[in-house]
Amino acid sequence: GLSRRVEFEMPLDGDALDWARFPPE
């Protein structure tokens, strides 16, 4: 049950996925 993972999270203006919002890494 214990997990370790890299996570990237950022806000959006709506419900559409926006790749440009993610950092390059």
PDB file of all heavy atoms in Angstrom:
ATOM      1  N   GLY A   1       0.788  -1.217   0.000  1.00  0.00           N
ATOM      2  CA  GLY A   1       0.000   0.000   0.000  1.00  0.00           C
ATOM      3  C   GLY A   1       0.818   1.263   0.000  1.00  0.00           C
ATOM      4  O   GLY A   1       0.295   2.348  -0.287  1.00  0.00           O
ATOM      5  N   LEU A   2       2.121   1.194   0.322  1.00  0.00           N
ATOM      6  CA  LEU A   2       2.973   2.381   0.373  1.00  0.00           C
ATOM      7  C   LEU A   2       3.588   2.609  -0.997  1.00  0.00           C
ATOM      8  O   LEU A   2       4.226   1.728  -1.563  1.00  0.00           O
ATOM      9  CB  LEU A   2       4.084   2.204   1.410  1.00  0.00           C
ATOM     10  CG  LEU A   2       5.017   3.410   1.589  1.00  0.00           C
ATOM     11  CD1 LEU A   2       4.285   4.556   2.274  1.00  0.00           C
ATOM     12  CD2 LEU A   2       6.251   3.019   2.386  1.00  0.00           C
ATOM     13  N   SER A   3       3.407   3.827  -1.536  1.00  0.00           N
ATOM     14  CA  SER A   3       3.940   4.132  -2.862  1.00  0.00           C
ATOM     15  C   SER A   3       4.723   5.434  -2.826  1.00  0.00           C
ATOM     16  O   SER A   3       4.443   6.339  -2.035  1.00  0.00           O
ATOM     17  CB  SER A   3       2.809   4.233  -3.896  1.00  0.00           C
ATOM     18  OG  SER A   3       1.936   5.300  -3.583  1.00  0.00           O
ATOM     19  N   ARG A   4       5.719   5.498  -3.700  1.00  0.00           N
ATOM     20  CA  ARG A   4       6.500   6.710  -3.907  1.00  0.00           C
ATOM     21  C   ARG A   4       6.507   6.995  -5.404  1.00  0.00           C
ATOM     22  O   ARG A   4       6.911   6.147  -6.180  1.00  0.00           O
ATOM     23  CB  ARG A   4       7.938   6.535  -3.410  1.00  0.00           C
ATOM     24  CG  ARG A   4       8.084   6.345  -1.912  1.00  0.00           C
ATOM     25  CD  ARG A   4       9.545   6.043  -1.570  1.00  0.00           C
ATOM     26  NE  ARG A   4       9.796   6.062  -0.144  1.00  0.00           N
ATOM     27  CZ  ARG A   4       9.651   5.018   0.654  1.00  0.00           C
ATOM     28  NH1 ARG A   4       9.233   3.860   0.148  1.00  0.00           N
ATOM     29  NH2 ARG A   4       9.912   5.102   1.947  1.00  0.00           N
ATOM     30  N   ARG A   5       6.055   8.166  -5.800  1.00  0.00           N
ATOM     31  CA  ARG A   5       6.005   8.469  -7.227  1.00  0.00           C
ATOM     32  C   ARG A   5       6.231   9.952  -7.458  1.00  0.00           C
ATOM     33  O   ARG A   5       5.919  10.791  -6.603  1.00  0.00           O
ATOM     34  CB  ARG A   5       4.672   8.022  -7.832  1.00  0.00           C
ATOM     35  CG  ARG A   5       3.484   8.856  -7.422  1.00  0.00           C
ATOM     36  CD  ARG A   5       2.195   8.290  -7.999  1.00  0.00           C
ATOM     37  NE  ARG A   5       1.692   7.205  -7.185  1.00  0.00           N
ATOM     38  CZ  ARG A   5       0.997   6.177  -7.649  1.00  0.00           C
ATOM     39  NH1 ARG A   5       0.760   6.075  -8.930  1.00  0.00           N
ATOM     40  NH2 ARG A   5       0.584   5.232  -6.845  1.00  0.00           N
ATOM     41  N   VAL A   6       6.793  10.262  -8.625  1.00  0.00           N
ATOM     42  CA  VAL A   6       6.951  11.658  -9.029  1.00  0.00           C
ATOM     43  C   VAL A   6       5.601  12.153  -9.535  1.00  0.00           C
ATOM     44  O   VAL A   6       4.914  11.462 -10.292  1.00  0.00           O
ATOM     45  CB  VAL A   6       8.029  11.794 -10.121  1.00  0.00           C
ATOM     46  CG1 VAL A   6       8.123  13.239 -10.610  1.00  0.00           C
ATOM     47  CG2 VAL A   6       9.381  11.317  -9.584  1.00  0.00           C
ATOM     48  N   GLU A   7       5.218  13.352  -9.118  1.00  0.00           N
ATOM     49  CA  GLU A   7       3.916  13.911  -9.464  1.00  0.00           C
ATOM     50  C   GLU A   7       4.059  15.353  -9.932  1.00  0.00           C
ATOM     51  O   GLU A   7       4.757  16.155  -9.302  1.00  0.00           O
ATOM     52  CB  GLU A   7       2.974  13.856  -8.255  1.00  0.00           C
ATOM     53  CG  GLU A   7       1.586  14.420  -8.512  1.00  0.00           C
ATOM     54  CD  GLU A   7       0.741  14.448  -7.253  1.00  0.00           C
ATOM     55  OE1 GLU A   7       1.023  15.305  -6.393  1.00  0.00           O
ATOM     56  OE2 GLU A   7      -0.167  13.618  -7.112  1.00  0.00           O
ATOM     57  N   PHE A   8       3.400  15.669 -11.056  1.00  0.00           N
ATOM     58  CA  PHE A   8       3.339  17.040 -11.567  1.00  0.00           C
ATOM     59  C   PHE A   8       1.877  17.454 -11.609  1.00  0.00           C
ATOM     60  O   PHE A   8       1.054  16.778 -12.239  1.00  0.00           O
ATOM     61  CB  PHE A   8       3.941  17.123 -12.980  1.00  0.00           C
ATOM     62  CG  PHE A   8       5.362  16.654 -13.073  1.00  0.00           C
ATOM     63  CD1 PHE A   8       5.662  15.334 -13.382  1.00  0.00           C
ATOM     64  CD2 PHE A   8       6.416  17.535 -12.852  1.00  0.00           C
ATOM     65  CE1 PHE A   8       6.973  14.903 -13.467  1.00  0.00           C
ATOM     66  CE2 PHE A   8       7.737  17.107 -12.943  1.00  0.00           C
ATOM     67  CZ  PHE A   8       8.010  15.785 -13.253  1.00  0.00           C
ATOM     68  N   GLU A   9       1.543  18.554 -10.964  1.00  0.00           N
ATOM     69  CA  GLU A   9       0.154  19.015 -10.926  1.00  0.00           C
ATOM     70  C   GLU A   9       0.119  20.523 -11.134  1.00  0.00           C
ATOM     71  O   GLU A   9       0.881  21.266 -10.521  1.00  0.00           O
ATOM     72  CB  GLU A   9      -0.485  18.653  -9.587  1.00  0.00           C
ATOM     73  CG  GLU A   9      -1.975  18.958  -9.508  1.00  0.00           C
ATOM     74  CD  GLU A   9      -2.616  18.363  -8.271  1.00  0.00           C
ATOM     75  OE1 GLU A   9      -2.456  18.974  -7.185  1.00  0.00           O
ATOM     76  OE2 GLU A   9      -3.255  17.300  -8.367  1.00  0.00           O
ATOM     77  N   MET A  10      -0.779  20.988 -12.009  1.00  0.00           N
ATOM     78  CA  MET A  10      -0.918  22.419 -12.276  1.00  0.00           C
ATOM     79  C   MET A  10      -2.345  22.761 -12.664  1.00  0.00           C
ATOM     80  O   MET A  10      -3.097  21.901 -13.148  1.00  0.00           O
ATOM     81  CB  MET A  10       0.049  22.897 -13.364  1.00  0.00           C
ATOM     82  CG  MET A  10       0.177  22.024 -14.549  1.00  0.00           C
ATOM     83  SD  MET A  10       1.425  20.740 -14.305  1.00  0.00           S
ATOM     84  CE  MET A  10       2.777  21.663 -13.615  1.00  0.00           C
ATOM     85  N   PRO A  11      -2.744  24.035 -12.435  1.00  0.00           N
ATOM     86  CA  PRO A  11      -4.130  24.445 -12.688  1.00  0.00           C
ATOM     87  C   PRO A  11      -4.423  24.600 -14.172  1.00  0.00           C
ATOM     88  O   PRO A  11      -3.532  24.805 -14.997  1.00  0.00           O
ATOM     89  CB  PRO A  11      -4.219  25.792 -11.968  1.00  0.00           C
ATOM     90  CG  PRO A  11      -2.814  26.309 -11.943  1.00  0.00           C
ATOM     91  CD  PRO A  11      -1.935  25.102 -11.823  1.00  0.00           C
ATOM     92  N   LEU A  12      -5.727  24.485 -14.495  1.00  0.00           N
ATOM     93  CA  LEU A  12      -6.227  24.676 -15.849  1.00  0.00           C
ATOM     94  C   LEU A  12      -7.319  25.745 -15.839  1.00  0.00           C
ATOM     95  O   LEU A  12      -7.948  26.005 -14.800  1.00  0.00           O
ATOM     96  CB  LEU A  12      -6.816  23.369 -16.397  1.00  0.00           C
ATOM     97  CG  LEU A  12      -5.849  22.224 -16.712  1.00  0.00           C
ATOM     98  CD1 LEU A  12      -6.645  20.957 -17.019  1.00  0.00           C
ATOM     99  CD2 LEU A  12      -4.949  22.580 -17.889  1.00  0.00           C
ATOM    100  N   ASP A  13      -7.591  26.298 -17.016  1.00  0.00           N
ATOM    101  CA  ASP A  13      -8.681  27.264 -17.139  1.00  0.00           C
ATOM    102  C   ASP A  13     -10.020  26.572 -17.361  1.00  0.00           C
ATOM    103  O   ASP A  13     -11.077  27.169 -17.167  1.00  0.00           O
ATOM    104  CB  ASP A  13      -8.408  28.226 -18.310  1.00  0.00           C
ATOM    105  CG  ASP A  13      -7.177  29.089 -18.053  1.00  0.00           C
ATOM    106  OD1 ASP A  13      -6.910  29.377 -16.872  1.00  0.00           O
ATOM    107  OD2 ASP A  13      -6.488  29.439 -19.022  1.00  0.00           O
ATOM    108  N   GLY A  14      -9.998  25.319 -17.790  1.00  0.00           N
ATOM    109  CA  GLY A  14     -11.226  24.567 -18.026  1.00  0.00           C
ATOM    110  C   GLY A  14     -10.958  23.094 -17.916  1.00  0.00           C
ATOM    111  O   GLY A  14      -9.991  22.676 -17.263  1.00  0.00           O
ATOM    112  N   ASP A  15     -11.792  22.271 -18.590  1.00  0.00           N
ATOM    113  CA  ASP A  15     -11.651  20.820 -18.433  1.00  0.00           C
ATOM    114  C   ASP A  15     -10.805  20.171 -19.518  1.00  0.00           C
ATOM    115  O   ASP A  15     -10.724  18.950 -19.592  1.00  0.00           O
ATOM    116  CB  ASP A  15     -13.032  20.167 -18.408  1.00  0.00           C
ATOM    117  CG  ASP A  15     -13.790  20.366 -19.711  1.00  0.00           C
ATOM    118  OD1 ASP A  15     -13.319  21.137 -20.555  1.00  0.00           O
ATOM    119  OD2 ASP A  15     -14.854  19.744 -19.868  1.00  0.00           O
ATOM    120  N   ALA A  16     -10.181  20.984 -20.381  1.00  0.00           N
ATOM    121  CA  ALA A  16      -9.386  20.431 -21.477  1.00  0.00           C
ATOM    122  C   ALA A  16      -7.923  20.244 -21.059  1.00  0.00           C
ATOM    123  O   ALA A  16      -7.325  21.130 -20.434  1.00  0.00           O
ATOM    124  CB  ALA A  16      -9.454  21.343 -22.702  1.00  0.00           C
ATOM    125  N   LEU A  17      -7.373  19.095 -21.405  1.00  0.00           N
ATOM    126  CA  LEU A  17      -5.963  18.815 -21.133  1.00  0.00           C
ATOM    127  C   LEU A  17      -5.089  19.802 -21.905  1.00  0.00           C
ATOM    128  O   LEU A  17      -5.338  20.085 -23.072  1.00  0.00           O
ATOM    129  CB  LEU A  17      -5.657  17.388 -21.561  1.00  0.00           C
ATOM    130  CG  LEU A  17      -4.266  16.839 -21.281  1.00  0.00           C
ATOM    131  CD1 LEU A  17      -4.047  16.679 -19.790  1.00  0.00           C
ATOM    132  CD2 LEU A  17      -4.117  15.479 -21.986  1.00  0.00           C
ATOM    133  N   ASP A  18      -4.077  20.344 -21.251  1.00  0.00           N
ATOM    134  CA  ASP A  18      -3.194  21.341 -21.884  1.00  0.00           C
ATOM    135  C   ASP A  18      -1.743  20.941 -21.623  1.00  0.00           C
ATOM    136  O   ASP A  18      -1.193  21.187 -20.544  1.00  0.00           O
ATOM    137  CB  ASP A  18      -3.481  22.730 -21.315  1.00  0.00           C
ATOM    138  CG  ASP A  18      -2.694  23.821 -22.022  1.00  0.00           C
ATOM    139  OD1 ASP A  18      -1.823  23.490 -22.856  1.00  0.00           O
ATOM    140  OD2 ASP A  18      -2.930  25.006 -21.733  1.00  0.00           O
ATOM    141  N   TRP A  19      -1.099  20.329 -22.633  1.00  0.00           N
ATOM    142  CA  TRP A  19       0.281  19.867 -22.455  1.00  0.00           C
ATOM    143  C   TRP A  19       1.235  21.020 -22.178  1.00  0.00           C
ATOM    144  O   TRP A  19       2.238  20.847 -21.462  1.00  0.00           O
ATOM    145  CB  TRP A  19       0.736  19.113 -23.702  1.00  0.00           C
ATOM    146  CG  TRP A  19       0.123  17.755 -23.825  1.00  0.00           C
ATOM    147  CD1 TRP A  19      -0.906  17.394 -24.622  1.00  0.00           C
ATOM    148  CD2 TRP A  19       0.493  16.585 -23.093  1.00  0.00           C
ATOM    149  NE1 TRP A  19      -1.214  16.062 -24.449  1.00  0.00           N
ATOM    150  CE2 TRP A  19      -0.364  15.538 -23.521  1.00  0.00           C
ATOM    151  CE3 TRP A  19       1.461  16.314 -22.123  1.00  0.00           C
ATOM    152  CZ2 TRP A  19      -0.276  14.249 -23.012  1.00  0.00           C
ATOM    153  CZ3 TRP A  19       1.557  15.027 -21.626  1.00  0.00           C
ATOM    154  CH2 TRP A  19       0.697  14.012 -22.059  1.00  0.00           C
ATOM    155  N   ALA A  20       0.946  22.186 -22.704  1.00  0.00           N
ATOM    156  CA  ALA A  20       1.852  23.327 -22.521  1.00  0.00           C
ATOM    157  C   ALA A  20       1.955  23.750 -21.065  1.00  0.00           C
ATOM    158  O   ALA A  20       2.934  24.400 -20.680  1.00  0.00           O
ATOM    159  CB  ALA A  20       1.383  24.502 -23.382  1.00  0.00           C
ATOM    160  N   ARG A  21       0.950  23.410 -20.264  1.00  0.00           N
ATOM    161  CA  ARG A  21       0.992  23.779 -18.842  1.00  0.00           C
ATOM    162  C   ARG A  21       1.999  22.942 -18.051  1.00  0.00           C
ATOM    163  O   ARG A  21       2.443  23.364 -16.987  1.00  0.00           O
ATOM    164  CB  ARG A  21      -0.398  23.616 -18.222  1.00  0.00           C
ATOM    165  CG  ARG A  21      -1.461  24.562 -18.766  1.00  0.00           C
ATOM    166  CD  ARG A  21      -1.254  25.992 -18.279  1.00  0.00           C
ATOM    167  NE  ARG A  21      -2.287  26.890 -18.746  1.00  0.00           N
ATOM    168  CZ  ARG A  21      -3.299  27.331 -18.011  1.00  0.00           C
ATOM    169  NH1 ARG A  21      -3.412  26.935 -16.747  1.00  0.00           N
ATOM    170  NH2 ARG A  21      -4.176  28.161 -18.520  1.00  0.00           N
ATOM    171  N   PHE A  22       2.298  21.751 -18.565  1.00  0.00           N
ATOM    172  CA  PHE A  22       3.258  20.907 -17.858  1.00  0.00           C
ATOM    173  C   PHE A  22       4.674  21.425 -18.090  1.00  0.00           C
ATOM    174  O   PHE A  22       4.998  21.908 -19.183  1.00  0.00           O
ATOM    175  CB  PHE A  22       3.196  19.464 -18.359  1.00  0.00           C
ATOM    176  CG  PHE A  22       2.031  18.671 -17.844  1.00  0.00           C
ATOM    177  CD1 PHE A  22       1.121  18.096 -18.728  1.00  0.00           C
ATOM    178  CD2 PHE A  22       1.848  18.483 -16.490  1.00  0.00           C
ATOM    179  CE1 PHE A  22       0.057  17.345 -18.267  1.00  0.00           C
ATOM    180  CE2 PHE A  22       0.779  17.738 -16.008  1.00  0.00           C
ATOM    181  CZ  PHE A  22      -0.123  17.175 -16.902  1.00  0.00           C
ATOM    182  N   PRO A  23       5.563  21.311 -17.112  1.00  0.00           N
ATOM    183  CA  PRO A  23       6.966  21.674 -17.331  1.00  0.00           C
ATOM    184  C   PRO A  23       7.626  20.671 -18.273  1.00  0.00           C
ATOM    185  O   PRO A  23       7.133  19.552 -18.447  1.00  0.00           O
ATOM    186  CB  PRO A  23       7.578  21.609 -15.922  1.00  0.00           C
ATOM    187  CG  PRO A  23       6.717  20.648 -15.178  1.00  0.00           C
ATOM    188  CD  PRO A  23       5.322  20.842 -15.716  1.00  0.00           C
ATOM    189  N   PRO A  24       8.731  21.030 -18.883  1.00  0.00           N
ATOM    190  CA  PRO A  24       9.393  20.130 -19.844  1.00  0.00           C
ATOM    191  C   PRO A  24       9.719  18.760 -19.256  1.00  0.00           C
ATOM    192  O   PRO A  24       9.586  17.736 -19.944  1.00  0.00           O
ATOM    193  CB  PRO A  24      10.660  20.888 -20.226  1.00  0.00           C
ATOM    194  CG  PRO A  24      10.325  22.327 -19.989  1.00  0.00           C
ATOM    195  CD  PRO A  24       9.401  22.337 -18.805  1.00  0.00           C
ATOM    196  N   GLU A  25      10.142  18.721 -17.987  1.00  0.00           N
ATOM    197  CA  GLU A  25      10.513  17.418 -17.412  1.00  0.00           C
ATOM    198  C   GLU A  25       9.296  16.508 -17.269  1.00  0.00           C
ATOM    199  O   GLU A  25       9.442  15.278 -17.245  1.00  0.00           O
ATOM    200  CB  GLU A  25      11.212  17.597 -16.056  1.00  0.00           C
ATOM    201  CG  GLU A  25      10.400  18.347 -15.007  1.00  0.00           C
ATOM    202  CD  GLU A  25      10.710  19.838 -15.014  1.00  0.00           C
ATOM    203  OE1 GLU A  25      11.029  20.378 -16.089  1.00  0.00           O
ATOM    204  OE2 GLU A  25      10.628  20.449 -13.922  1.00  0.00           O
TER     205      GLU A  25
END
